[in-house]
mmCIF file of all heavy atoms, coordinates in Angstrom:
data_MODEL
# 
_entry.id   MODEL 
# 
loop_
_atom_site.group_PDB 
_atom_site.id 
_atom_site.type_symbol 
_atom_site.label_atom_id 
_atom_site.label_alt_id 
_atom_site.label_comp_id 
_atom_site.label_asym_id 
_atom_site.label_entity_id 
_atom_site.label_seq_id 
_atom_site.pdbx_PDB_ins_code 
_atom_site.Cartn_x 
_atom_site.Cartn_y 
_atom_site.Cartn_z 
_atom_site.occupancy 
_atom_site.B_iso_or_equiv 
_atom_site.pdbx_formal_charge 
_atom_site.auth_seq_id 
_atom_site.auth_comp_id 
_atom_site.auth_asym_id 
_atom_site.auth_atom_id 
_atom_site.pdbx_PDB_model_num 
ATOM 1   N N   . PRO A 1 1  ? 109.961 113.081 108.991 1.00 0.00 ? 1  PRO A N   1 
ATOM 2   C CA  . PRO A 1 1  ? 110.028 112.867 107.537 1.00 0.00 ? 1  PRO A CA  1 
ATOM 3   C C   . PRO A 1 1  ? 109.424 113.997 106.783 1.00 0.00 ? 1  PRO A C   1 
ATOM 4   O O   . PRO A 1 1  ? 108.774 113.755 105.721 1.00 0.00 ? 1  PRO A O   1 
ATOM 5   C CB  . PRO A 1 1  ? 109.190 111.601 107.386 1.00 0.00 ? 1  PRO A CB  1 
ATOM 6   C CG  . PRO A 1 1  ? 108.154 111.679 108.496 1.00 0.00 ? 1  PRO A CG  1 
ATOM 7   C CD  . PRO A 1 1  ? 108.895 112.328 109.645 1.00 0.00 ? 1  PRO A CD  1 
ATOM 8   N N   . TYR A 1 2  ? 109.638 115.228 107.194 1.00 0.00 ? 2  TYR A N   1 
ATOM 9   C CA  . TYR A 1 2  ? 109.152 116.397 106.427 1.00 0.00 ? 2  TYR A CA  1 
ATOM 10  C C   . TYR A 1 2  ? 110.262 117.474 106.501 1.00 0.00 ? 2  TYR A C   1 
ATOM 11  O O   . TYR A 1 2  ? 111.261 117.318 107.226 1.00 0.00 ? 2  TYR A O   1 
ATOM 12  C CB  . TYR A 1 2  ? 107.896 116.957 107.106 1.00 0.00 ? 2  TYR A CB  1 
ATOM 13  C CG  . TYR A 1 2  ? 106.676 116.054 107.050 1.00 0.00 ? 2  TYR A CG  1 
ATOM 14  C CD1 . TYR A 1 2  ? 106.268 115.375 108.243 1.00 0.00 ? 2  TYR A CD1 1 
ATOM 15  C CD2 . TYR A 1 2  ? 106.071 115.708 105.886 1.00 0.00 ? 2  TYR A CD2 1 
ATOM 16  C CE1 . TYR A 1 2  ? 105.242 114.447 108.258 1.00 0.00 ? 2  TYR A CE1 1 
ATOM 17  C CE2 . TYR A 1 2  ? 105.015 114.777 105.839 1.00 0.00 ? 2  TYR A CE2 1 
ATOM 18  C CZ  . TYR A 1 2  ? 104.617 114.206 107.015 1.00 0.00 ? 2  TYR A CZ  1 
ATOM 19  O OH  . TYR A 1 2  ? 103.579 113.306 106.951 1.00 0.00 ? 2  TYR A OH  1 
ATOM 20  N N   . HIS A 1 3  ? 110.036 118.543 105.713 1.00 0.00 ? 3  HIS A N   1 
ATOM 21  C CA  . HIS A 1 3  ? 111.005 119.657 105.719 1.00 0.00 ? 3  HIS A CA  1 
ATOM 22  C C   . HIS A 1 3  ? 110.763 120.495 106.967 1.00 0.00 ? 3  HIS A C   1 
ATOM 23  O O   . HIS A 1 3  ? 109.625 120.644 107.410 1.00 0.00 ? 3  HIS A O   1 
ATOM 24  C CB  . HIS A 1 3  ? 110.860 120.451 104.528 1.00 0.00 ? 3  HIS A CB  1 
ATOM 25  C CG  . HIS A 1 3  ? 111.209 119.703 103.246 1.00 0.00 ? 3  HIS A CG  1 
ATOM 26  N ND1 . HIS A 1 3  ? 110.488 118.806 102.674 1.00 0.00 ? 3  HIS A ND1 1 
ATOM 27  C CD2 . HIS A 1 3  ? 112.361 119.832 102.409 1.00 0.00 ? 3  HIS A CD2 1 
ATOM 28  C CE1 . HIS A 1 3  ? 111.085 118.277 101.640 1.00 0.00 ? 3  HIS A CE1 1 
ATOM 29  N NE2 . HIS A 1 3  ? 112.254 118.894 101.421 1.00 0.00 ? 3  HIS A NE2 1 
ATOM 30  N N   . ILE A 1 4  ? 111.818 120.981 107.586 1.00 0.00 ? 4  ILE A N   1 
ATOM 31  C CA  . ILE A 1 4  ? 111.688 121.722 108.803 1.00 0.00 ? 4  ILE A CA  1 
ATOM 32  C C   . ILE A 1 4  ? 112.410 123.078 108.774 1.00 0.00 ? 4  ILE A C   1 
ATOM 33  O O   . ILE A 1 4  ? 113.550 123.189 108.330 1.00 0.00 ? 4  ILE A O   1 
ATOM 34  C CB  . ILE A 1 4  ? 112.341 120.916 110.027 1.00 0.00 ? 4  ILE A CB  1 
ATOM 35  C CG1 . ILE A 1 4  ? 111.745 119.484 110.118 1.00 0.00 ? 4  ILE A CG1 1 
ATOM 36  C CG2 . ILE A 1 4  ? 112.176 121.651 111.315 1.00 0.00 ? 4  ILE A CG2 1 
ATOM 37  C CD1 . ILE A 1 4  ? 112.432 118.601 111.082 1.00 0.00 ? 4  ILE A CD1 1 
ATOM 38  N N   . LEU A 1 5  ? 111.714 124.056 109.224 1.00 0.00 ? 5  LEU A N   1 
ATOM 39  C CA  . LEU A 1 5  ? 112.237 125.395 109.539 1.00 0.00 ? 5  LEU A CA  1 
ATOM 40  C C   . LEU A 1 5  ? 112.413 125.517 110.960 1.00 0.00 ? 5  LEU A C   1 
ATOM 41  O O   . LEU A 1 5  ? 111.525 125.441 111.785 1.00 0.00 ? 5  LEU A O   1 
ATOM 42  C CB  . LEU A 1 5  ? 111.311 126.478 108.970 1.00 0.00 ? 5  LEU A CB  1 
ATOM 43  C CG  . LEU A 1 5  ? 111.605 127.904 109.399 1.00 0.00 ? 5  LEU A CG  1 
ATOM 44  C CD1 . LEU A 1 5  ? 112.949 128.375 108.831 1.00 0.00 ? 5  LEU A CD1 1 
ATOM 45  C CD2 . LEU A 1 5  ? 110.536 128.903 108.885 1.00 0.00 ? 5  LEU A CD2 1 
ATOM 46  N N   . PHE A 1 6  ? 113.692 125.761 111.376 1.00 0.00 ? 6  PHE A N   1 
ATOM 47  C CA  . PHE A 1 6  ? 114.065 125.914 112.763 1.00 0.00 ? 6  PHE A CA  1 
ATOM 48  C C   . PHE A 1 6  ? 114.146 127.346 113.200 1.00 0.00 ? 6  PHE A C   1 
ATOM 49  O O   . PHE A 1 6  ? 114.774 128.194 112.517 1.00 0.00 ? 6  PHE A O   1 
ATOM 50  C CB  . PHE A 1 6  ? 115.420 125.222 113.097 1.00 0.00 ? 6  PHE A CB  1 
ATOM 51  C CG  . PHE A 1 6  ? 115.408 123.744 112.888 1.00 0.00 ? 6  PHE A CG  1 
ATOM 52  C CD1 . PHE A 1 6  ? 115.919 123.163 111.760 1.00 0.00 ? 6  PHE A CD1 1 
ATOM 53  C CD2 . PHE A 1 6  ? 115.048 122.916 113.918 1.00 0.00 ? 6  PHE A CD2 1 
ATOM 54  C CE1 . PHE A 1 6  ? 115.916 121.821 111.506 1.00 0.00 ? 6  PHE A CE1 1 
ATOM 55  C CE2 . PHE A 1 6  ? 115.032 121.528 113.739 1.00 0.00 ? 6  PHE A CE2 1 
ATOM 56  C CZ  . PHE A 1 6  ? 115.499 120.984 112.580 1.00 0.00 ? 6  PHE A CZ  1 
ATOM 57  N N   . LEU A 1 7  ? 113.471 127.708 114.246 1.00 0.00 ? 7  LEU A N   1 
ATOM 58  C CA  . LEU A 1 7  ? 113.604 129.047 114.895 1.00 0.00 ? 7  LEU A CA  1 
ATOM 59  C C   . LEU A 1 7  ? 114.397 128.771 116.197 1.00 0.00 ? 7  LEU A C   1 
ATOM 60  O O   . LEU A 1 7  ? 113.829 128.277 117.175 1.00 0.00 ? 7  LEU A O   1 
ATOM 61  C CB  . LEU A 1 7  ? 112.285 129.628 115.148 1.00 0.00 ? 7  LEU A CB  1 
ATOM 62  C CG  . LEU A 1 7  ? 111.317 129.798 113.932 1.00 0.00 ? 7  LEU A CG  1 
ATOM 63  C CD1 . LEU A 1 7  ? 110.036 130.414 114.345 1.00 0.00 ? 7  LEU A CD1 1 
ATOM 64  C CD2 . LEU A 1 7  ? 112.017 130.670 112.927 1.00 0.00 ? 7  LEU A CD2 1 
ATOM 65  N N   . LEU A 1 8  ? 115.719 129.146 116.248 1.00 0.00 ? 8  LEU A N   1 
ATOM 66  C CA  . LEU A 1 8  ? 116.535 129.005 117.417 1.00 0.00 ? 8  LEU A CA  1 
ATOM 67  C C   . LEU A 1 8  ? 116.316 130.281 118.270 1.00 0.00 ? 8  LEU A C   1 
ATOM 68  O O   . LEU A 1 8  ? 116.446 131.369 117.802 1.00 0.00 ? 8  LEU A O   1 
ATOM 69  C CB  . LEU A 1 8  ? 117.970 128.868 117.040 1.00 0.00 ? 8  LEU A CB  1 
ATOM 70  C CG  . LEU A 1 8  ? 118.225 127.744 115.932 1.00 0.00 ? 8  LEU A CG  1 
ATOM 71  C CD1 . LEU A 1 8  ? 119.692 127.657 115.695 1.00 0.00 ? 8  LEU A CD1 1 
ATOM 72  C CD2 . LEU A 1 8  ? 117.604 126.410 116.332 1.00 0.00 ? 8  LEU A CD2 1 
ATOM 73  N N   . GLU A 1 9  ? 116.085 130.082 119.521 1.00 0.00 ? 9  GLU A N   1 
ATOM 74  C CA  . GLU A 1 9  ? 115.830 131.180 120.485 1.00 0.00 ? 9  GLU A CA  1 
ATOM 75  C C   . GLU A 1 9  ? 116.883 131.126 121.604 1.00 0.00 ? 9  GLU A C   1 
ATOM 76  O O   . GLU A 1 9  ? 117.152 130.081 122.184 1.00 0.00 ? 9  GLU A O   1 
ATOM 77  C CB  . GLU A 1 9  ? 114.460 131.151 121.110 1.00 0.00 ? 9  GLU A CB  1 
ATOM 78  C CG  . GLU A 1 9  ? 114.105 132.333 121.960 1.00 0.00 ? 9  GLU A CG  1 
ATOM 79  C CD  . GLU A 1 9  ? 114.501 132.184 123.426 1.00 0.00 ? 9  GLU A CD  1 
ATOM 80  O OE1 . GLU A 1 9  ? 114.779 131.072 123.803 1.00 0.00 ? 9  GLU A OE1 1 
ATOM 81  O OE2 . GLU A 1 9  ? 114.558 133.205 124.084 1.00 0.00 ? 9  GLU A OE2 1 
ATOM 82  N N   . TYR A 1 10 ? 117.465 132.250 121.890 1.00 0.00 ? 10 TYR A N   1 
ATOM 83  C CA  . TYR A 1 10 ? 118.408 132.370 123.006 1.00 0.00 ? 10 TYR A CA  1 
ATOM 84  C C   . TYR A 1 10 ? 118.305 133.794 123.647 1.00 0.00 ? 10 TYR A C   1 
ATOM 85  O O   . TYR A 1 10 ? 118.527 134.747 122.876 1.00 0.00 ? 10 TYR A O   1 
ATOM 86  C CB  . TYR A 1 10 ? 119.782 132.116 122.660 1.00 0.00 ? 10 TYR A CB  1 
ATOM 87  C CG  . TYR A 1 10 ? 120.783 132.242 123.804 1.00 0.00 ? 10 TYR A CG  1 
ATOM 88  C CD1 . TYR A 1 10 ? 120.727 131.344 124.883 1.00 0.00 ? 10 TYR A CD1 1 
ATOM 89  C CD2 . TYR A 1 10 ? 121.733 133.265 123.847 1.00 0.00 ? 10 TYR A CD2 1 
ATOM 90  C CE1 . TYR A 1 10 ? 121.584 131.465 125.955 1.00 0.00 ? 10 TYR A CE1 1 
ATOM 91  C CE2 . TYR A 1 10 ? 122.608 133.398 124.899 1.00 0.00 ? 10 TYR A CE2 1 
ATOM 92  C CZ  . TYR A 1 10 ? 122.502 132.466 125.976 1.00 0.00 ? 10 TYR A CZ  1 
ATOM 93  O OH  . TYR A 1 10 ? 123.352 132.623 127.077 1.00 0.00 ? 10 TYR A OH  1 
ATOM 94  N N   . GLU A 1 11 ? 117.869 133.901 124.830 1.00 0.00 ? 11 GLU A N   1 
ATOM 95  C CA  . GLU A 1 11 ? 117.727 135.145 125.570 1.00 0.00 ? 11 GLU A CA  1 
ATOM 96  C C   . GLU A 1 11 ? 117.000 136.191 124.798 1.00 0.00 ? 11 GLU A C   1 
ATOM 97  O O   . GLU A 1 11 ? 117.349 137.402 124.676 1.00 0.00 ? 11 GLU A O   1 
ATOM 98  C CB  . GLU A 1 11 ? 119.137 135.658 125.979 1.00 0.00 ? 11 GLU A CB  1 
ATOM 99  C CG  . GLU A 1 11 ? 119.809 134.819 126.971 1.00 0.00 ? 11 GLU A CG  1 
ATOM 100 C CD  . GLU A 1 11 ? 121.119 135.381 127.513 1.00 0.00 ? 11 GLU A CD  1 
ATOM 101 O OE1 . GLU A 1 11 ? 121.610 136.366 126.861 1.00 0.00 ? 11 GLU A OE1 1 
ATOM 102 O OE2 . GLU A 1 11 ? 121.576 134.900 128.562 1.00 0.00 ? 11 GLU A OE2 1 
ATOM 103 N N   . GLY A 1 12 ? 115.829 135.797 124.164 1.00 0.00 ? 12 GLY A N   1 
ATOM 104 C CA  . GLY A 1 12 ? 114.931 136.745 123.524 1.00 0.00 ? 12 GLY A CA  1 
ATOM 105 C C   . GLY A 1 12 ? 115.323 137.067 122.077 1.00 0.00 ? 12 GLY A C   1 
ATOM 106 O O   . GLY A 1 12 ? 114.585 137.821 121.492 1.00 0.00 ? 12 GLY A O   1 
ATOM 107 N N   . ARG A 1 13 ? 116.452 136.538 121.594 1.00 0.00 ? 13 ARG A N   1 
ATOM 108 C CA  . ARG A 1 13 ? 116.777 136.840 120.228 1.00 0.00 ? 13 ARG A CA  1 
ATOM 109 C C   . ARG A 1 13 ? 116.593 135.503 119.374 1.00 0.00 ? 13 ARG A C   1 
ATOM 110 O O   . ARG A 1 13 ? 116.728 134.438 119.989 1.00 0.00 ? 13 ARG A O   1 
ATOM 111 C CB  . ARG A 1 13 ? 118.239 137.327 120.125 1.00 0.00 ? 13 ARG A CB  1 
ATOM 112 C CG  . ARG A 1 13 ? 118.341 138.751 120.634 1.00 0.00 ? 13 ARG A CG  1 
ATOM 113 C CD  . ARG A 1 13 ? 119.870 139.194 120.868 1.00 0.00 ? 13 ARG A CD  1 
ATOM 114 N NE  . ARG A 1 13 ? 120.483 139.256 119.587 1.00 0.00 ? 13 ARG A NE  1 
ATOM 115 C CZ  . ARG A 1 13 ? 120.439 140.310 118.770 1.00 0.00 ? 13 ARG A CZ  1 
ATOM 116 N NH1 . ARG A 1 13 ? 119.801 141.405 119.148 1.00 0.00 ? 13 ARG A NH1 1 
ATOM 117 N NH2 . ARG A 1 13 ? 121.191 140.376 117.670 1.00 0.00 ? 13 ARG A NH2 1 
ATOM 118 N N   . TYR A 1 14 ? 116.476 135.642 118.052 1.00 0.00 ? 14 TYR A N   1 
ATOM 119 C CA  . TYR A 1 14 ? 116.157 134.497 117.278 1.00 0.00 ? 14 TYR A CA  1 
ATOM 120 C C   . TYR A 1 14 ? 117.113 134.392 116.082 1.00 0.00 ? 14 TYR A C   1 
ATOM 121 O O   . TYR A 1 14 ? 117.670 135.395 115.581 1.00 0.00 ? 14 TYR A O   1 
ATOM 122 C CB  . TYR A 1 14 ? 114.760 134.615 116.773 1.00 0.00 ? 14 TYR A CB  1 
ATOM 123 C CG  . TYR A 1 14 ? 113.696 134.418 117.828 1.00 0.00 ? 14 TYR A CG  1 
ATOM 124 C CD1 . TYR A 1 14 ? 113.249 135.461 118.557 1.00 0.00 ? 14 TYR A CD1 1 
ATOM 125 C CD2 . TYR A 1 14 ? 113.119 133.140 118.028 1.00 0.00 ? 14 TYR A CD2 1 
ATOM 126 C CE1 . TYR A 1 14 ? 112.285 135.245 119.563 1.00 0.00 ? 14 TYR A CE1 1 
ATOM 127 C CE2 . TYR A 1 14 ? 112.155 132.955 119.042 1.00 0.00 ? 14 TYR A CE2 1 
ATOM 128 C CZ  . TYR A 1 14 ? 111.762 133.962 119.728 1.00 0.00 ? 14 TYR A CZ  1 
ATOM 129 O OH  . TYR A 1 14 ? 110.750 133.825 120.725 1.00 0.00 ? 14 TYR A OH  1 
ATOM 130 N N   . ARG A 1 15 ? 117.288 133.164 115.706 1.00 0.00 ? 15 ARG A N   1 
ATOM 131 C CA  . ARG A 1 15 ? 118.095 132.833 114.456 1.00 0.00 ? 15 ARG A CA  1 
ATOM 132 C C   . ARG A 1 15 ? 117.370 131.741 113.721 1.00 0.00 ? 15 ARG A C   1 
ATOM 133 O O   . ARG A 1 15 ? 117.048 130.700 114.376 1.00 0.00 ? 15 ARG A O   1 
ATOM 134 C CB  . ARG A 1 15 ? 119.445 132.337 114.926 1.00 0.00 ? 15 ARG A CB  1 
ATOM 135 C CG  . ARG A 1 15 ? 120.417 132.129 113.807 1.00 0.00 ? 15 ARG A CG  1 
ATOM 136 C CD  . ARG A 1 15 ? 121.750 131.498 114.313 1.00 0.00 ? 15 ARG A CD  1 
ATOM 137 N NE  . ARG A 1 15 ? 122.817 131.694 113.327 1.00 0.00 ? 15 ARG A NE  1 
ATOM 138 C CZ  . ARG A 1 15 ? 123.979 131.087 113.376 1.00 0.00 ? 15 ARG A CZ  1 
ATOM 139 N NH1 . ARG A 1 15 ? 124.210 130.227 114.372 1.00 0.00 ? 15 ARG A NH1 1 
ATOM 140 N NH2 . ARG A 1 15 ? 124.856 131.277 112.502 1.00 0.00 ? 15 ARG A NH2 1 
ATOM 141 N N   . ALA A 1 16 ? 117.133 131.940 112.469 1.00 0.00 ? 16 ALA A N   1 
ATOM 142 C CA  . ALA A 1 16 ? 116.470 130.882 111.673 1.00 0.00 ? 16 ALA A CA  1 
ATOM 143 C C   . ALA A 1 16 ? 117.505 129.948 111.094 1.00 0.00 ? 16 ALA A C   1 
ATOM 144 O O   . ALA A 1 16 ? 118.680 130.385 110.798 1.00 0.00 ? 16 ALA A O   1 
ATOM 145 C CB  . ALA A 1 16 ? 115.696 131.462 110.490 1.00 0.00 ? 16 ALA A CB  1 
ATOM 146 N N   . ALA A 1 17 ? 117.177 128.681 110.973 1.00 0.00 ? 17 ALA A N   1 
ATOM 147 C CA  . ALA A 1 17 ? 118.077 127.637 110.370 1.00 0.00 ? 17 ALA A CA  1 
ATOM 148 C C   . ALA A 1 17 ? 117.188 126.761 109.551 1.00 0.00 ? 17 ALA A C   1 
ATOM 149 O O   . ALA A 1 17 ? 116.082 126.396 109.941 1.00 0.00 ? 17 ALA A O   1 
ATOM 150 C CB  . ALA A 1 17 ? 118.814 126.881 111.480 1.00 0.00 ? 17 ALA A CB  1 
ATOM 151 N N   . ILE A 1 18 ? 117.777 126.349 108.402 1.00 0.00 ? 18 ILE A N   1 
ATOM 152 C CA  . ILE A 1 18 ? 117.017 125.347 107.569 1.00 0.00 ? 18 ILE A CA  1 
ATOM 153 C C   . ILE A 1 18 ? 118.031 124.569 106.816 1.00 0.00 ? 18 ILE A C   1 
ATOM 154 O O   . ILE A 1 18 ? 119.096 125.105 106.350 1.00 0.00 ? 18 ILE A O   1 
ATOM 155 C CB  . ILE A 1 18 ? 116.103 126.198 106.542 1.00 0.00 ? 18 ILE A CB  1 
ATOM 156 C CG1 . ILE A 1 18 ? 115.092 125.165 105.913 1.00 0.00 ? 18 ILE A CG1 1 
ATOM 157 C CG2 . ILE A 1 18 ? 116.851 126.899 105.533 1.00 0.00 ? 18 ILE A CG2 1 
ATOM 158 C CD1 . ILE A 1 18 ? 113.883 125.865 105.314 1.00 0.00 ? 18 ILE A CD1 1 
ATOM 159 N N   . GLY A 1 19 ? 117.739 123.292 106.612 1.00 0.00 ? 19 GLY A N   1 
ATOM 160 C CA  . GLY A 1 19 ? 118.563 122.373 105.837 1.00 0.00 ? 19 GLY A CA  1 
ATOM 161 C C   . GLY A 1 19 ? 118.123 122.265 104.444 1.00 0.00 ? 19 GLY A C   1 
ATOM 162 O O   . GLY A 1 19 ? 116.878 122.307 104.193 1.00 0.00 ? 19 GLY A O   1 
ATOM 163 N N   . TYR A 1 20 ? 119.048 122.167 103.468 1.00 0.00 ? 20 TYR A N   1 
ATOM 164 C CA  . TYR A 1 20 ? 118.660 121.883 102.102 1.00 0.00 ? 20 TYR A CA  1 
ATOM 165 C C   . TYR A 1 20 ? 118.504 120.321 102.210 1.00 0.00 ? 20 TYR A C   1 
ATOM 166 O O   . TYR A 1 20 ? 119.445 119.572 102.216 1.00 0.00 ? 20 TYR A O   1 
ATOM 167 C CB  . TYR A 1 20 ? 119.775 122.244 101.137 1.00 0.00 ? 20 TYR A CB  1 
ATOM 168 C CG  . TYR A 1 20 ? 119.390 121.754 99.723  1.00 0.00 ? 20 TYR A CG  1 
ATOM 169 C CD1 . TYR A 1 20 ? 118.241 122.204 99.088  1.00 0.00 ? 20 TYR A CD1 1 
ATOM 170 C CD2 . TYR A 1 20 ? 120.203 120.788 99.099  1.00 0.00 ? 20 TYR A CD2 1 
ATOM 171 C CE1 . TYR A 1 20 ? 117.865 121.749 97.844  1.00 0.00 ? 20 TYR A CE1 1 
ATOM 172 C CE2 . TYR A 1 20 ? 119.936 120.352 97.819  1.00 0.00 ? 20 TYR A CE2 1 
ATOM 173 C CZ  . TYR A 1 20 ? 118.721 120.810 97.237  1.00 0.00 ? 20 TYR A CZ  1 
ATOM 174 O OH  . TYR A 1 20 ? 118.346 120.354 95.990  1.00 0.00 ? 20 TYR A OH  1 
ATOM 175 N N   . LYS A 1 21 ? 117.213 119.894 102.064 1.00 0.00 ? 21 LYS A N   1 
ATOM 176 C CA  . LYS A 1 21 ? 116.825 118.551 102.381 1.00 0.00 ? 21 LYS A CA  1 
ATOM 177 C C   . LYS A 1 21 ? 116.236 117.949 101.134 1.00 0.00 ? 21 LYS A C   1 
ATOM 178 O O   . LYS A 1 21 ? 115.304 118.413 100.523 1.00 0.00 ? 21 LYS A O   1 
ATOM 179 C CB  . LYS A 1 21 ? 115.804 118.563 103.552 1.00 0.00 ? 21 LYS A CB  1 
ATOM 180 C CG  . LYS A 1 21 ? 115.505 117.250 104.258 1.00 0.00 ? 21 LYS A CG  1 
ATOM 181 C CD  . LYS A 1 21 ? 114.624 117.489 105.401 1.00 0.00 ? 21 LYS A CD  1 
ATOM 182 C CE  . LYS A 1 21 ? 114.456 116.214 106.233 1.00 0.00 ? 21 LYS A CE  1 
ATOM 183 N NZ  . LYS A 1 21 ? 113.610 116.438 107.459 1.00 0.00 ? 21 LYS A NZ  1 
ATOM 184 N N   . GLU A 1 22 ? 116.764 116.739 100.763 1.00 0.00 ? 22 GLU A N   1 
ATOM 185 C CA  . GLU A 1 22 ? 116.280 116.093 99.569  1.00 0.00 ? 22 GLU A CA  1 
ATOM 186 C C   . GLU A 1 22 ? 115.856 114.669 99.924  1.00 0.00 ? 22 GLU A C   1 
ATOM 187 O O   . GLU A 1 22 ? 116.304 114.062 100.880 1.00 0.00 ? 22 GLU A O   1 
ATOM 188 C CB  . GLU A 1 22 ? 117.413 115.921 98.497  1.00 0.00 ? 22 GLU A CB  1 
ATOM 189 C CG  . GLU A 1 22 ? 117.833 117.216 97.921  1.00 0.00 ? 22 GLU A CG  1 
ATOM 190 C CD  . GLU A 1 22 ? 118.911 116.989 96.862  1.00 0.00 ? 22 GLU A CD  1 
ATOM 191 O OE1 . GLU A 1 22 ? 119.841 116.271 97.139  1.00 0.00 ? 22 GLU A OE1 1 
ATOM 192 O OE2 . GLU A 1 22 ? 118.811 117.513 95.722  1.00 0.00 ? 22 GLU A OE2 1 
ATOM 193 N N   . ALA A 1 23 ? 114.880 114.185 99.105  1.00 0.00 ? 23 ALA A N   1 
ATOM 194 C CA  . ALA A 1 23 ? 114.434 112.771 99.298  1.00 0.00 ? 23 ALA A CA  1 
ATOM 195 C C   . ALA A 1 23 ? 115.602 111.806 98.969  1.00 0.00 ? 23 ALA A C   1 
ATOM 196 O O   . ALA A 1 23 ? 116.248 111.937 97.973  1.00 0.00 ? 23 ALA A O   1 
ATOM 197 C CB  . ALA A 1 23 ? 113.268 112.489 98.445  1.00 0.00 ? 23 ALA A CB  1 
ATOM 198 N N   . ALA A 1 24 ? 115.873 110.879 99.959  1.00 0.00 ? 24 ALA A N   1 
ATOM 199 C CA  . ALA A 1 24 ? 116.966 109.920 99.728  1.00 0.00 ? 24 ALA A CA  1 
ATOM 200 C C   . ALA A 1 24 ? 116.504 108.604 99.210  1.00 0.00 ? 24 ALA A C   1 
ATOM 201 O O   . ALA A 1 24 ? 117.127 108.017 98.336  1.00 0.00 ? 24 ALA A O   1 
ATOM 202 C CB  . ALA A 1 24 ? 117.668 109.712 101.098 1.00 0.00 ? 24 ALA A CB  1 
ATOM 203 N N   . ALA A 1 25 ? 115.310 108.200 99.605  1.00 0.00 ? 25 ALA A N   1 
ATOM 204 C CA  . ALA A 1 25 ? 114.745 106.925 99.083  1.00 0.00 ? 25 ALA A CA  1 
ATOM 205 C C   . ALA A 1 25 ? 113.247 107.045 99.169  1.00 0.00 ? 25 ALA A C   1 
ATOM 206 O O   . ALA A 1 25 ? 112.613 106.915 100.142 1.00 0.00 ? 25 ALA A O   1 
ATOM 207 C CB  . ALA A 1 25 ? 115.193 105.752 99.955  1.00 0.00 ? 25 ALA A CB  1 
ATOM 208 N N   . GLY A 1 26 ? 112.647 107.331 97.928  1.00 0.00 ? 26 GLY A N   1 
ATOM 209 C CA  . GLY A 1 26 ? 111.218 107.547 97.953  1.00 0.00 ? 26 GLY A CA  1 
ATOM 210 C C   . GLY A 1 26 ? 110.977 108.908 98.648  1.00 0.00 ? 26 GLY A C   1 
ATOM 211 O O   . GLY A 1 26 ? 111.823 109.844 98.533  1.00 0.00 ? 26 GLY A O   1 
ATOM 212 N N   . LYS A 1 27 ? 109.865 109.048 99.283  1.00 0.00 ? 27 LYS A N   1 
ATOM 213 C CA  . LYS A 1 27 ? 109.528 110.350 99.917  1.00 0.00 ? 27 LYS A CA  1 
ATOM 214 C C   . LYS A 1 27 ? 109.404 110.137 101.455 1.00 0.00 ? 27 LYS A C   1 
ATOM 215 O O   . LYS A 1 27 ? 108.830 110.997 102.155 1.00 0.00 ? 27 LYS A O   1 
ATOM 216 C CB  . LYS A 1 27 ? 108.312 110.937 99.384  1.00 0.00 ? 27 LYS A CB  1 
ATOM 217 C CG  . LYS A 1 27 ? 108.468 111.391 97.908  1.00 0.00 ? 27 LYS A CG  1 
ATOM 218 C CD  . LYS A 1 27 ? 107.271 112.237 97.491  1.00 0.00 ? 27 LYS A CD  1 
ATOM 219 C CE  . LYS A 1 27 ? 107.504 112.771 96.049  1.00 0.00 ? 27 LYS A CE  1 
ATOM 220 N NZ  . LYS A 1 27 ? 106.425 113.602 95.602  1.00 0.00 ? 27 LYS A NZ  1 
ATOM 221 N N   . THR A 1 28 ? 109.892 109.016 101.991 1.00 0.00 ? 28 THR A N   1 
ATOM 222 C CA  . THR A 1 28 ? 109.800 108.781 103.426 1.00 0.00 ? 28 THR A CA  1 
ATOM 223 C C   . THR A 1 28 ? 111.172 109.014 104.111 1.00 0.00 ? 28 THR A C   1 
ATOM 224 O O   . THR A 1 28 ? 111.227 109.030 105.361 1.00 0.00 ? 28 THR A O   1 
ATOM 225 C CB  . THR A 1 28 ? 109.336 107.367 103.679 1.00 0.00 ? 28 THR A CB  1 
ATOM 226 O OG1 . THR A 1 28 ? 110.174 106.434 103.035 1.00 0.00 ? 28 THR A OG1 1 
ATOM 227 C CG2 . THR A 1 28 ? 107.885 107.189 103.164 1.00 0.00 ? 28 THR A CG2 1 
ATOM 228 N N   . ALA A 1 29 ? 112.188 109.096 103.321 1.00 0.00 ? 29 ALA A N   1 
ATOM 229 C CA  . ALA A 1 29 ? 113.511 109.294 103.987 1.00 0.00 ? 29 ALA A CA  1 
ATOM 230 C C   . ALA A 1 29 ? 114.198 110.521 103.208 1.00 0.00 ? 29 ALA A C   1 
ATOM 231 O O   . ALA A 1 29 ? 114.080 110.721 102.062 1.00 0.00 ? 29 ALA A O   1 
ATOM 232 C CB  . ALA A 1 29 ? 114.400 108.000 103.762 1.00 0.00 ? 29 ALA A CB  1 
ATOM 233 N N   . PHE A 1 30 ? 114.925 111.260 104.026 1.00 0.00 ? 30 PHE A N   1 
ATOM 234 C CA  . PHE A 1 30 ? 115.555 112.472 103.501 1.00 0.00 ? 30 PHE A CA  1 
ATOM 235 C C   . PHE A 1 30 ? 117.075 112.519 103.982 1.00 0.00 ? 30 PHE A C   1 
ATOM 236 O O   . PHE A 1 30 ? 117.407 111.944 104.962 1.00 0.00 ? 30 PHE A O   1 
ATOM 237 C CB  . PHE A 1 30 ? 114.866 113.734 104.069 1.00 0.00 ? 30 PHE A CB  1 
ATOM 238 C CG  . PHE A 1 30 ? 113.509 113.974 103.531 1.00 0.00 ? 30 PHE A CG  1 
ATOM 239 C CD1 . PHE A 1 30 ? 112.400 113.509 104.144 1.00 0.00 ? 30 PHE A CD1 1 
ATOM 240 C CD2 . PHE A 1 30 ? 113.337 114.760 102.363 1.00 0.00 ? 30 PHE A CD2 1 
ATOM 241 C CE1 . PHE A 1 30 ? 111.153 113.722 103.573 1.00 0.00 ? 30 PHE A CE1 1 
ATOM 242 C CE2 . PHE A 1 30 ? 112.028 115.012 101.868 1.00 0.00 ? 30 PHE A CE2 1 
ATOM 243 C CZ  . PHE A 1 30 ? 110.992 114.447 102.522 1.00 0.00 ? 30 PHE A CZ  1 
ATOM 244 N N   . LYS A 1 31 ? 117.836 113.179 103.135 1.00 0.00 ? 31 LYS A N   1 
ATOM 245 C CA  . LYS A 1 31 ? 119.151 113.503 103.542 1.00 0.00 ? 31 LYS A CA  1 
ATOM 246 C C   . LYS A 1 31 ? 119.362 115.024 103.569 1.00 0.00 ? 31 LYS A C   1 
ATOM 247 O O   . LYS A 1 31 ? 118.827 115.673 102.630 1.00 0.00 ? 31 LYS A O   1 
ATOM 248 C CB  . LYS A 1 31 ? 120.182 112.872 102.638 1.00 0.00 ? 31 LYS A CB  1 
ATOM 249 C CG  . LYS A 1 31 ? 120.163 113.276 101.193 1.00 0.00 ? 31 LYS A CG  1 
ATOM 250 C CD  . LYS A 1 31 ? 121.076 112.420 100.321 1.00 0.00 ? 31 LYS A CD  1 
ATOM 251 C CE  . LYS A 1 31 ? 121.044 112.800 98.892  1.00 0.00 ? 31 LYS A CE  1 
ATOM 252 N NZ  . LYS A 1 31 ? 121.657 114.054 98.570  1.00 0.00 ? 31 LYS A NZ  1 
# 
């Protein structure tokens, strides 16, 4: 239930991924 920054790793190289994440119902659920 929080925002996440993903660091994807494959064979020593990295790729960042992040979702544009908004509260869906209050602040406990996100879409």
